[in-house]
Structure formats: C-alpha cells, structure tokens
Protein backbone atom coordinates (compact mmCIF):
# COMPACT_ATOMS: atom_id res chain seq x y z
CA MET A 1 6.60 48.76 23.98
CA TYR A 2 5.79 49.13 20.31
CA LEU A 3 5.51 46.25 17.84
CA ASP A 4 5.64 47.19 14.23
CA PRO A 5 3.75 44.99 11.70
CA GLY A 6 6.95 43.15 10.69
CA SER A 7 7.78 42.17 14.28
CA GLY A 8 4.20 41.19 15.02
CA SER A 9 4.09 39.04 11.92
CA PHE A 10 7.40 37.41 12.91
CA LEU A 11 6.11 36.60 16.42
CA LEU A 12 2.88 35.20 14.99
CA GLN A 13 4.93 32.94 12.67
CA ILE A 14 6.98 31.71 15.61
CA LEU A 15 3.78 30.88 17.55
CA VAL A 16 2.17 29.07 14.62
CA ALA A 17 5.39 27.09 13.88
CA THR A 18 5.68 26.09 17.57
CA VAL A 19 2.08 24.86 17.72
CA ALA A 20 2.42 23.01 14.38
CA GLY A 21 5.71 21.42 15.45
CA ALA A 22 4.25 20.24 18.74
CA GLY A 23 1.25 18.82 16.90
CA ILE A 24 3.40 16.90 14.45
CA PHE A 25 5.61 15.60 17.29
CA LEU A 26 2.57 14.35 19.22
CA ALA A 27 1.03 12.81 16.15
CA THR A 28 4.26 11.00 15.32
CA TYR A 29 5.02 9.67 18.78
CA TRP A 30 1.50 9.35 20.21
CA ARG A 31 1.39 5.54 19.91
CA LYS A 32 4.70 5.15 21.71
CA VAL A 33 3.64 7.50 24.51
CA LYS A 34 0.25 5.85 24.79
CA SER A 35 1.65 2.32 24.82
CA PHE A 36 4.12 3.31 27.54
CA PHE A 37 1.25 4.18 29.89
CA THR A 38 -1.21 1.46 28.94
CA ARG A 39 -1.01 -2.33 29.00
CA LYS A 40 -1.71 -4.32 25.89
CA SER A 41 -4.99 -6.14 26.11
CA GLY A 42 -5.73 -9.68 25.09
CA LYS A 43 -7.64 -8.28 22.13
CA ALA A 44 -4.49 -6.62 20.76
CA ARG A 45 -2.60 -9.90 21.12
CA ASN A 46 -5.38 -11.76 19.30
CA LEU A 47 -5.26 -9.22 16.45
CA ARG A 48 -1.49 -9.77 16.07
CA ILE A 49 -2.03 -13.55 15.99
CA ALA A 50 -4.78 -13.17 13.37
CA LYS A 51 -2.42 -11.01 11.27
CA ILE A 52 0.29 -13.67 11.44
CA ILE A 53 -2.16 -16.39 10.38
CA LYS A 54 -3.38 -14.25 7.48
CA MET A 55 0.22 -13.68 6.34
CA SER A 56 0.82 -17.42 6.11
CA LYS A 57 -2.27 -17.91 4.00
CA THR A 58 -2.00 -18.15 0.20
CA GLU A 59 -4.12 -15.66 -1.75
CA LYS A 60 -4.25 -14.83 -5.43
CA VAL A 61 -3.73 -11.13 -6.16
CA ALA A 62 -7.00 -9.84 -7.53
CA GLY A 63 -5.37 -7.45 -9.97
CA SER A 64 -3.62 -10.18 -11.94
CA PHE A 65 -6.73 -11.95 -13.24
CA ARG A 66 -6.23 -10.71 -16.79
CA ASP A 67 -2.87 -12.38 -17.34
CA PRO A 68 -3.53 -15.66 -19.20
CA ASN A 69 0.12 -16.77 -18.79
CA GLY A 70 0.19 -16.78 -15.00
CA PHE A 71 -0.85 -14.85 -11.95
CA LEU A 72 0.48 -13.22 -8.80
CA PHE A 73 -0.19 -14.59 -5.36
CA THR A 74 0.94 -13.83 -1.83
CA ARG A 75 2.20 -16.29 0.73
CA GLY A 76 3.84 -15.41 4.02
CA GLY A 77 3.86 -11.73 3.16
CA ASN A 78 5.84 -12.30 -0.07
CA PHE A 79 4.67 -11.92 -3.66
CA TYR A 80 5.11 -14.79 -6.14
CA ARG A 81 4.18 -15.30 -9.79
CA GLN A 82 3.09 -18.63 -11.10
CA VAL A 83 3.92 -19.19 -14.76
CA ASN A 84 1.34 -21.39 -16.49
CA LYS A 85 2.12 -24.25 -18.89
CA GLN A 86 0.94 -22.33 -21.96
CA TYR A 87 3.63 -19.67 -21.40
CA SER A 88 6.50 -22.10 -20.65
CA GLN A 89 8.20 -21.95 -24.06
CA HIS A 90 8.01 -18.14 -24.18
CA TYR A 91 9.38 -17.85 -20.65
CA ASP A 92 12.31 -20.17 -21.48
CA LEU A 93 13.09 -18.13 -24.60
CA LEU A 94 12.97 -14.88 -22.61
CA MET A 95 15.40 -16.18 -20.01
CA LYS A 96 17.84 -17.78 -22.53
CA SER A 97 17.88 -14.96 -25.08
CA GLY A 98 19.50 -12.34 -22.82
CA LEU A 99 16.54 -10.02 -23.24
CA TYR A 100 15.52 -10.48 -19.59
CA GLU A 101 18.98 -9.37 -18.35
CA LYS A 102 18.98 -6.38 -20.71
CA LEU A 103 15.53 -5.22 -19.57
CA VAL A 104 16.52 -5.63 -15.91
CA ASN A 105 19.78 -3.73 -16.41
CA ASP A 106 17.94 -0.95 -18.22
CA GLY A 107 15.50 -0.65 -15.30
CA LEU A 108 12.52 -1.74 -17.36
CA LEU A 109 11.90 -5.00 -15.49
CA ILE A 110 12.21 -6.01 -11.84
CA ARG A 111 14.74 -8.79 -11.19
CA HIS A 112 13.22 -12.02 -9.88
CA LYS A 113 14.45 -15.41 -8.83
CA GLU A 114 12.85 -18.77 -9.35
CA VAL A 115 11.88 -20.51 -6.13
CA GLY A 116 10.53 -23.90 -5.19
CA GLU A 117 7.27 -22.70 -3.58
CA ALA A 118 4.29 -25.02 -3.80
CA PRO A 119 2.02 -23.87 -6.64
CA VAL A 120 -1.43 -22.43 -6.13
CA ASP A 121 -2.90 -24.14 -9.20
CA ARG A 122 -1.09 -27.39 -10.03
CA MET A 123 -3.09 -27.98 -13.22
CA MET A 124 -1.64 -24.90 -14.87
CA LEU A 125 1.83 -24.88 -13.30
CA THR A 126 5.13 -24.81 -15.14
CA ARG A 127 7.18 -22.61 -12.73
C-alpha cells in the first residue's frame, strides 16, 4: 500500500484532531466525571458554606475609591452604588432632565434602579 504525501498529511490531521478533541472533551467534563466517582468531603462542604457567608458580607469595591460622589460595594453577590450627600443635587438633576434616559437608550450608560438597601456609610448617604 502506498501513501502519497497528501494522504499521509490528511491521516496525520485526523489523528491530531482526534487527540485534541478528546483532550478538550476530558478537560471540559473532567469535574463531572470525577465527582461521579468520588464523594464530596466535609472540606468541600465547608468551602461552600464559607463562600455563602462571604457573599452575604458587605465590601466596598476597591476600584471605586477615586469617586468623591459615591462608591461601589457588593452585598449578597450584587453590586450597589451609594450616592453621597454632596452629589445629591447633581444626581436629582440628571434623573429629572431626561439625560439619564437618553444615555441609557444610546447604550452609553447602564440602566440602574434605586433600591432600599442599608447604606455602607450612613454619614455620607443620600441614596
């Protein structure tokens, strides 16, 4: 049997694609296969509990320290922004002027909703 260079190259490509496909499949589903054959330890359960506790904690977002008018914080896995008193008049003007809606509709601002979450810093709170 004779294999010309084109056929040999084609067979080599099939072999490489099969090995790569099997590797990607195993990498994708390895956790599911592994968890099927192993029991979850108490340590894994404790890590899940610790993650839940951390999610319920309130933390300021470190990257928003430069904003004098408010700051971002996380609580329960959600992001919130506290608007400080000094920005209150500007915020009210933004919301009443229609500029906020225009910027959201143009895709230049992300829509938000005001919520009644407890503030992180009550001394500076307006919203």
